Amino acid sequence: MAPLSSEVQRSKRTLHLLVLLCLVLPCLTQPAPSPAPTTLPLSPFNDRLDAAYIALQAWKHAITEDPKNLTSDWCGPFVCNYTGVYCAAAPDDPHVLTVAGVDLNHGRIAGELPDHLGLLADVALIHLNSNRFCGTLPESMAHMRLLYELDVSNNLLSGAFPSFLTSLPSLKYLDLRFNAFDGELPAAVFGRELSLDAIFANNNRFNVSLTSASLTNSTASVIVLANTDFAGCLPPTIGDMADTLVELVLLNTSISSCIPPEIGKLKKLKVLDLSRNELAGELPESVGDMESLEVLNVGHNMLSGVVPETVCELPRFRNLTVAGNYFCGEPVSCLHVPLRDDRMNCIPERPHQRPHEECIAFEHRPPVHCAADGCILLPP
């Protein structure tokens, strides 16, 4: 029986070898496989995403209401799958995945912003407008050295201006409007070291000093400071922003001043809104040099004289508001501006003007004299 057993074992080994050859030989006749791709999917597990998980979980626990359930899927370690969270390769290491942005705009979310947000050290944009976040911005956000856009507009945030914002080297777009921030808006916001491109700080409780000409140091293209308490006069240095400024909105800022003729240097400016202030004197002829101007609103001030004809002949001009002043003349060219409001002035033969007696009384006032610094000189 032993020989038979040996024969069976040899047959089994032979069969096993044949099967193995059948599997291997076809592979030997095939061409070599293409090399594997050099870029592999980034792993969702690393120290940066671990830190982001801690930050986002702390944020979720600080939220008291989420009517749209935007954060309902903020569970588990895969933070790149969270609603409103966006991941990308880290700028300093393309092989590492990191949280690059958070966008919860229009979420109506209520709660606070926790200190742990500073763990999102690689974030480049944070968009939180139209929510109900309260408290203030945590100091830990100073670690966000790559933050480029910060929009927390239309929330319930309060307190002094977050000073750490002026030390963020990458910040270009800052939107704090429609909150309850208060105190001094620091000169560094307009400084060339920070070099913001867009500043929206309107509808807070900030106050701004124009005496140091800090505003006119800005290299921003858009400055919106409506409904802010200004101290000082519009300085002649306003023309220093000529290289960059495209939109300037200073409506209802309590400015008591003349409009300096140097404003005509702003040849890139498209929108100028100085309405609802205490501006006096005449509208400078130099406004007619602002070749890019499309919208001019100087309504509801104390301006007088004649609207310069050159303003209404600007090539791109389409919207003129001079209502609520004491202008006594308006050239025919202004009647062809597509959108125009000249009501409540003293312009003859124009409808809806001030009563004649009111205009006569204004004419008998002492003339306005403007100082070199843009301020109104009081009569002796």
Protein backbone atom coordinates (compact mmCIF):
# COMPACT_ATOMS: atom_id res chain seq x y z
CA MET A 1 0.00 0.00 0.00
CA ALA A 2 2.96 2.34 0.53
CA PRO A 3 3.94 2.55 -3.20
CA LEU A 4 0.37 3.46 -4.11
CA SER A 5 0.36 6.21 -1.52
CA SER A 6 3.63 7.64 -2.89
CA GLU A 7 2.19 7.60 -6.38
CA VAL A 8 -0.86 9.55 -5.27
CA GLN A 9 1.27 12.17 -3.60
CA ARG A 10 3.41 12.54 -6.73
CA SER A 11 0.25 12.95 -8.83
CA LYS A 12 -1.01 15.66 -6.48
CA ARG A 13 2.28 17.54 -6.68
CA THR A 14 2.24 17.34 -10.47
CA LEU A 15 -1.32 18.63 -10.64
CA HIS A 16 -0.47 21.50 -8.27
CA LEU A 17 2.51 22.46 -10.44
CA LEU A 18 0.39 22.42 -13.62
CA VAL A 19 -2.21 24.68 -12.02
CA LEU A 20 0.49 27.07 -10.85
CA LEU A 21 2.03 27.21 -14.32
CA CYS A 22 -1.34 27.87 -15.88
CA LEU A 23 -1.69 30.86 -13.60
CA VAL A 24 1.81 32.24 -13.99
CA LEU A 25 2.69 31.65 -17.63
CA PRO A 26 0.01 33.94 -19.09
CA CYS A 27 1.38 36.73 -16.94
CA LEU A 28 4.87 36.16 -18.34
CA THR A 29 3.64 36.69 -21.89
CA GLN A 30 1.85 39.99 -21.05
CA PRO A 31 3.58 43.38 -21.42
CA ALA A 32 4.80 45.06 -18.25
CA PRO A 33 2.06 47.00 -16.46
CA SER A 34 2.01 50.81 -16.65
CA PRO A 35 3.63 52.53 -13.69
CA ALA A 36 1.27 53.55 -10.92
CA PRO A 37 0.10 57.17 -10.89
CA THR A 38 2.50 59.47 -9.11
CA THR A 39 -0.35 61.29 -7.32
CA LEU A 40 -2.25 59.24 -4.80
CA PRO A 41 -5.43 60.30 -3.02
CA LEU A 42 -4.61 62.32 0.06
CA SER A 43 -5.24 60.52 3.29
CA PRO A 44 -8.14 61.81 5.42
CA PHE A 45 -6.08 61.04 8.52
CA ASN A 46 -3.30 63.35 9.69
CA ASP A 47 -2.48 65.65 12.59
CA ARG A 48 -4.00 68.71 10.91
CA LEU A 49 -7.34 67.04 10.31
CA ASP A 50 -7.25 65.68 13.85
CA ALA A 51 -6.87 69.25 15.10
CA ALA A 52 -9.66 70.38 12.79
CA TYR A 53 -11.90 67.67 14.23
CA ILE A 54 -11.34 69.03 17.74
CA ALA A 55 -12.06 72.59 16.56
CA LEU A 56 -15.22 71.72 14.67
CA GLN A 57 -16.60 69.54 17.44
CA ALA A 58 -16.01 72.35 19.96
CA TRP A 59 -17.78 74.72 17.55
CA LYS A 60 -20.72 72.35 17.17
CA HIS A 61 -21.12 72.17 20.94
CA ALA A 62 -21.09 75.99 21.11
CA ILE A 63 -24.03 76.18 18.69
CA THR A 64 -27.40 76.59 20.37
CA GLU A 65 -29.65 76.70 17.30
CA ASP A 66 -29.19 75.43 13.75
CA PRO A 67 -32.55 75.82 12.01
CA LYS A 68 -31.26 74.60 8.65
CA ASN A 69 -29.38 71.63 10.16
CA LEU A 70 -26.18 72.65 8.43
CA THR A 71 -24.07 71.08 11.17
CA SER A 72 -26.18 67.95 11.63
CA ASP A 73 -23.59 65.88 9.75
CA TRP A 74 -20.66 67.22 11.77
CA CYS A 75 -20.07 63.79 13.27
CA GLY A 76 -17.14 61.45 13.02
CA PRO A 77 -13.51 62.08 12.09
CA PHE A 78 -14.01 62.70 8.35
CA VAL A 79 -14.25 66.49 8.67
CA CYS A 80 -13.85 67.04 4.93
CA ASN A 81 -17.33 65.54 4.51
CA TYR A 82 -18.93 68.06 6.89
CA THR A 83 -21.39 70.49 5.31
CA GLY A 84 -19.72 73.85 4.77
CA VAL A 85 -16.21 72.54 5.38
CA TYR A 86 -13.81 72.52 2.44
CA CYS A 87 -10.51 70.68 2.31
CA ALA A 88 -7.49 70.99 0.04
CA ALA A 89 -3.82 70.13 -0.05
CA ALA A 90 -1.84 72.14 2.48
CA PRO A 91 0.10 75.01 0.86
CA ASP A 92 3.30 74.00 2.65
CA ASP A 93 2.92 70.27 1.92
CA PRO A 94 0.90 69.12 -1.13
CA HIS A 95 0.82 65.58 0.25
CA VAL A 96 -1.19 66.58 3.33
CA LEU A 97 -4.94 67.26 3.32
CA THR A 98 -6.16 70.13 5.48
CA VAL A 99 -9.24 72.30 6.10
CA ALA A 100 -8.96 75.28 3.76
CA GLY A 101 -12.33 76.99 4.28
CA VAL A 102 -15.60 77.14 6.18
CA ASP A 103 -18.76 78.57 4.60
CA LEU A 104 -21.95 78.69 6.66
CA ASN A 105 -23.45 81.79 5.03
CA HIS A 106 -27.18 82.45 5.59
CA GLY A 107 -27.49 79.59 8.06
CA ARG A 108 -29.30 81.54 10.81
CA ILE A 109 -27.12 79.60 13.24
CA ALA A 110 -27.04 80.83 16.85
CA GLY A 111 -24.19 80.33 19.26
CA GLU A 112 -20.64 81.46 19.93
CA LEU A 113 -17.26 81.09 18.25
CA PRO A 114 -15.07 78.95 20.56
CA ASP A 115 -11.38 79.40 21.29
CA HIS A 116 -10.69 76.11 19.55
CA LEU A 117 -11.20 77.79 16.16
CA GLY A 118 -7.53 78.69 16.26
CA LEU A 119 -6.76 75.02 15.56
CA LEU A 120 -7.92 75.64 11.96
CA ALA A 121 -4.48 77.03 11.27
CA ASP A 122 -4.54 76.48 7.49
CA VAL A 123 -7.96 78.00 6.80
CA ALA A 124 -7.96 80.62 4.02
CA LEU A 125 -11.58 81.73 4.10
CA ILE A 126 -14.30 81.93 6.72
CA HIS A 127 -17.77 82.97 5.55
CA LEU A 128 -20.34 83.27 8.32
CA ASN A 129 -22.60 86.08 7.16
CA SER A 130 -26.29 86.18 8.06
CA ASN A 131 -26.15 84.04 11.18
CA ARG A 132 -26.73 84.81 14.86
CA PHE A 133 -23.30 84.28 16.35
CA CYS A 134 -22.74 86.38 19.47
CA GLY A 135 -19.78 87.22 21.68
CA THR A 136 -16.63 88.25 19.88
CA LEU A 137 -13.97 86.75 17.64
CA PRO A 138 -11.65 84.51 19.69
CA GLU A 139 -8.05 85.63 20.07
CA SER A 140 -6.93 82.16 18.98
CA MET A 141 -7.78 83.14 15.41
CA ALA A 142 -4.43 84.92 15.43
CA HIS A 143 -2.99 81.51 14.48
CA MET A 144 -4.79 81.65 11.13
CA ARG A 145 -1.78 82.96 9.24
CA LEU A 146 -3.26 81.98 5.87
CA LEU A 147 -6.65 83.63 6.40
CA TYR A 148 -7.44 85.62 3.26
CA GLU A 149 -11.18 86.32 3.55
CA LEU A 150 -13.13 86.85 6.77
CA ASP A 151 -16.85 87.60 6.49
CA VAL A 152 -18.79 87.67 9.76
CA SER A 153 -21.29 90.30 8.62
CA ASN A 154 -24.89 90.40 9.82
CA ASN A 155 -24.41 88.62 13.14
CA LEU A 156 -24.67 89.61 16.81
CA LEU A 157 -20.95 89.98 17.49
CA SER A 158 -19.84 92.71 19.89
CA GLY A 159 -16.92 94.15 21.80
CA ALA A 160 -13.89 96.12 20.69
CA PHE A 161 -12.31 95.68 17.29
CA PRO A 162 -10.43 92.33 17.40
CA SER A 163 -6.88 93.68 17.43
CA PHE A 164 -5.31 90.42 16.25
CA LEU A 165 -6.86 90.99 12.82
CA THR A 166 -4.27 93.65 12.04
CA SER A 167 -1.48 91.07 12.49
CA LEU A 168 -2.80 88.48 10.03
CA PRO A 169 -0.33 88.62 7.13
CA SER A 170 -2.60 87.13 4.45
CA LEU A 171 -5.86 88.95 5.23
CA LYS A 172 -7.20 90.93 2.25
CA TYR A 173 -10.99 90.91 2.63
CA LEU A 174 -12.54 91.95 5.95
CA ASP A 175 -16.30 92.21 6.42
CA LEU A 176 -17.57 93.10 9.92
CA ARG A 177 -20.68 95.06 8.93
CA PHE A 178 -24.03 94.82 10.69
CA ASN A 179 -22.77 93.74 14.10
CA ALA A 180 -22.39 95.55 17.42
CA PHE A 181 -18.62 96.10 17.54
CA ASP A 182 -17.68 99.37 19.23
CA GLY A 183 -14.78 101.61 20.13
CA GLU A 184 -12.00 102.97 17.97
CA LEU A 185 -11.41 101.50 14.55
CA PRO A 186 -7.60 101.32 14.73
CA ALA A 187 -5.44 103.15 12.24
CA ALA A 188 -3.69 99.85 11.44
CA VAL A 189 -6.84 98.71 9.62
CA PHE A 190 -5.97 101.25 6.94
CA GLY A 191 -2.22 100.76 7.18
CA ARG A 192 -0.05 99.68 4.31
CA GLU A 193 1.48 96.87 6.38
CA LEU A 194 -1.88 95.07 6.60
CA SER A 195 -2.75 96.15 3.06
CA LEU A 196 -6.42 95.11 3.02
CA ASP A 197 -8.10 95.18 -0.37
CA ALA A 198 -11.69 95.45 0.91
CA ILE A 199 -12.89 96.90 4.23
CA PHE A 200 -16.55 96.66 5.27
CA ALA A 201 -17.13 97.94 8.80
CA ASN A 202 -20.41 99.79 8.40
CA ASN A 203 -23.36 99.57 10.77
CA ASN A 204 -21.42 98.92 13.93
CA ARG A 205 -20.62 101.34 16.76
CA PHE A 206 -17.11 102.15 15.65
CA ASN A 207 -15.64 105.62 15.67
CA VAL A 208 -12.96 106.79 13.26
CA SER A 209 -10.58 109.69 13.57
CA LEU A 210 -9.71 111.59 10.41
CA THR A 211 -7.27 113.91 12.15
CA SER A 212 -4.36 111.51 11.67
CA ALA A 213 -5.21 110.94 8.00
CA SER A 214 -5.08 107.21 8.77
CA LEU A 215 -7.97 106.49 6.41
CA THR A 216 -6.14 107.97 3.46
CA ASN A 217 -3.14 105.68 4.05
CA SER A 218 -5.21 102.75 2.84
CA THR A 219 -4.40 100.79 -0.29
CA ALA A 220 -7.86 99.19 -0.37
CA SER A 221 -10.02 99.23 -3.47
CA VAL A 222 -13.27 99.21 -1.47
CA ILE A 223 -13.92 101.08 1.80
CA VAL A 224 -17.44 101.02 3.25
CA LEU A 225 -17.82 102.76 6.62
CA ALA A 226 -21.44 103.92 6.46
CA ASN A 227 -23.24 104.73 9.72
CA THR A 228 -19.97 105.12 11.63
CA ASP A 229 -19.06 108.01 13.90
CA PHE A 230 -16.30 110.06 12.27
CA ALA A 231 -14.31 112.82 13.94
CA GLY A 232 -12.48 115.33 11.78
CA CYS A 233 -12.66 116.60 8.22
CA LEU A 234 -12.09 115.10 4.81
CA PRO A 235 -8.37 115.81 4.36
CA PRO A 236 -6.64 116.81 1.11
CA THR A 237 -4.68 113.57 1.41
CA ILE A 238 -7.80 111.74 0.19
CA GLY A 239 -6.17 111.98 -3.23
CA ASP A 240 -3.37 109.70 -2.00
CA MET A 241 -5.66 106.71 -2.54
CA ALA A 242 -5.77 107.32 -6.29
CA ASP A 243 -3.82 104.19 -7.25
CA THR A 244 -6.25 101.69 -5.74
CA LEU A 245 -9.58 103.15 -4.57
CA VAL A 246 -12.65 102.07 -6.59
CA GLU A 247 -15.49 102.47 -4.08
CA LEU A 248 -15.80 104.81 -1.10
CA VAL A 249 -18.98 104.86 1.01
CA LEU A 250 -19.03 107.27 3.96
CA LEU A 251 -22.76 108.00 4.24
CA ASN A 252 -24.14 109.10 7.60
CA THR A 253 -20.75 109.39 9.30
CA SER A 254 -21.22 112.85 10.91
CA ILE A 255 -18.48 114.41 8.79
CA SER A 256 -18.58 118.21 9.07
CA SER A 257 -16.30 119.36 6.30
CA CYS A 258 -15.76 120.79 2.87
CA ILE A 259 -15.07 118.43 -0.03
CA PRO A 260 -11.39 118.97 -0.85
CA PRO A 261 -10.58 119.55 -4.54
CA GLU A 262 -7.92 116.83 -4.28
CA ILE A 263 -10.76 114.32 -4.48
CA GLY A 264 -10.52 114.74 -8.23
CA LYS A 265 -7.31 112.72 -8.20
CA LEU A 266 -9.33 109.54 -7.61
CA LYS A 267 -9.50 108.63 -11.27
CA LYS A 268 -10.22 104.95 -10.64
CA LEU A 269 -13.13 105.65 -8.29
CA LYS A 270 -16.47 104.32 -9.56
CA VAL A 271 -18.73 104.86 -6.54
CA LEU A 272 -18.61 107.83 -4.15
CA ASP A 273 -21.26 108.15 -1.45
CA LEU A 274 -20.90 111.07 0.99
CA SER A 275 -24.61 111.47 1.66
CA ARG A 276 -26.30 112.39 4.96
CA ASN A 277 -23.38 114.27 6.48
CA GLU A 278 -22.69 117.93 7.22
CA LEU A 279 -20.70 118.76 4.12
CA ALA A 280 -20.76 122.43 3.14
CA GLY A 281 -19.39 124.68 0.44
CA GLU A 282 -19.48 123.78 -3.24
CA LEU A 283 -19.06 120.54 -5.11
CA PRO A 284 -15.51 120.87 -6.52
CA GLU A 285 -15.04 121.21 -10.27
CA SER A 286 -12.30 118.59 -9.93
CA VAL A 287 -14.96 115.88 -9.49
CA GLY A 288 -15.28 116.20 -13.25
CA ASP A 289 -11.75 114.75 -13.52
CA MET A 290 -12.81 111.43 -12.00
CA GLU A 291 -13.03 109.68 -15.33
CA SER A 292 -14.21 106.30 -13.98
CA LEU A 293 -17.00 107.71 -11.80
CA GLU A 294 -20.38 106.03 -12.28
CA VAL A 295 -22.28 106.85 -9.07
CA LEU A 296 -22.15 110.07 -7.05
CA ASN A 297 -24.32 110.60 -3.98
CA VAL A 298 -23.86 113.81 -1.99
CA GLY A 299 -27.52 114.04 -0.98
CA HIS A 300 -28.72 115.54 2.31
CA ASN A 301 -25.82 117.82 3.12
CA MET A 302 -25.42 121.61 3.12
CA LEU A 303 -23.80 121.96 -0.30
CA SER A 304 -24.57 124.96 -2.46
CA GLY A 305 -23.61 126.63 -5.71
CA VAL A 306 -23.97 124.99 -9.13
CA VAL A 307 -23.52 121.31 -9.94
CA PRO A 308 -20.41 121.24 -12.19
CA GLU A 309 -21.28 120.48 -15.79
CA THR A 310 -18.15 118.36 -16.20
CA VAL A 311 -19.49 115.89 -13.62
CA CYS A 312 -22.58 115.07 -15.66
CA GLU A 313 -20.48 114.73 -18.82
CA LEU A 314 -18.25 112.01 -17.43
CA PRO A 315 -18.19 109.06 -19.89
CA ARG A 316 -19.44 106.37 -17.48
CA PHE A 317 -21.64 108.51 -15.26
CA ARG A 318 -25.12 107.06 -14.70
CA ASN A 319 -26.35 107.95 -11.20
CA LEU A 320 -26.45 111.42 -9.58
CA THR A 321 -28.02 112.23 -6.22
CA VAL A 322 -27.82 115.82 -4.97
CA ALA A 323 -31.21 115.89 -3.19
CA GLY A 324 -31.55 117.72 0.11
CA ASN A 325 -28.91 120.41 -0.44
CA TYR A 326 -29.03 124.08 -1.45
CA PHE A 327 -27.77 123.92 -5.04
CA CYS A 328 -29.02 126.85 -7.07
CA GLY A 329 -28.11 125.59 -10.52
CA GLU A 330 -27.92 122.39 -12.52
CA PRO A 331 -26.63 122.24 -16.13
CA VAL A 332 -28.74 120.73 -18.89
CA SER A 333 -26.27 117.85 -19.26
CA CYS A 334 -27.32 116.60 -15.82
CA LEU A 335 -30.88 116.13 -17.05
CA HIS A 336 -29.60 113.33 -19.29
CA VAL A 337 -28.06 111.29 -16.47
CA PRO A 338 -30.08 108.00 -16.41
CA LEU A 339 -30.72 108.07 -12.63
CA ARG A 340 -30.99 111.51 -11.09
CA ASP A 341 -32.44 112.93 -7.88
CA ASP A 342 -32.23 116.72 -7.45
CA ARG A 343 -35.24 117.29 -5.21
CA MET A 344 -35.25 119.69 -2.25
CA ASN A 345 -32.69 122.15 -3.59
CA CYS A 346 -33.08 125.73 -4.82
CA ILE A 347 -32.84 125.02 -8.55
CA PRO A 348 -35.18 127.27 -10.57
CA GLU A 349 -37.80 125.55 -12.76
CA ARG A 350 -37.06 122.14 -11.32
CA PRO A 351 -39.92 120.33 -9.52
CA HIS A 352 -40.03 119.44 -5.82
CA GLN A 353 -37.60 122.13 -4.66
CA ARG A 354 -37.36 123.86 -1.30
CA PRO A 355 -39.75 126.72 -0.57
CA HIS A 356 -38.53 130.03 -2.03
CA GLU A 357 -38.36 131.63 1.42
CA GLU A 358 -36.05 128.87 2.66
CA CYS A 359 -33.70 129.38 -0.26
CA ILE A 360 -33.63 133.17 0.27
CA ALA A 361 -32.80 132.64 3.94
CA PHE A 362 -29.92 130.34 3.03
CA GLU A 363 -28.50 132.90 0.59
CA HIS A 364 -28.25 135.43 3.40
CA ARG A 365 -26.09 133.18 5.52
CA PRO A 366 -22.36 133.98 5.72
CA PRO A 367 -20.45 132.24 2.91
CA VAL A 368 -18.61 129.03 3.74
CA HIS A 369 -14.82 129.19 3.80
CA CYS A 370 -12.76 126.03 3.73
CA ALA A 371 -9.41 125.66 5.47
CA ALA A 372 -6.39 123.92 3.98
CA ASP A 373 -7.12 120.82 6.05
CA GLY A 374 -10.63 120.50 4.58
CA CYS A 375 -12.42 121.81 7.68
CA ILE A 376 -15.00 124.58 7.61
CA LEU A 377 -13.73 127.90 8.90
CA LEU A 378 -16.12 129.43 11.37
CA PRO A 379 -17.01 133.11 10.77
CA PRO A 380 -15.26 135.58 13.12
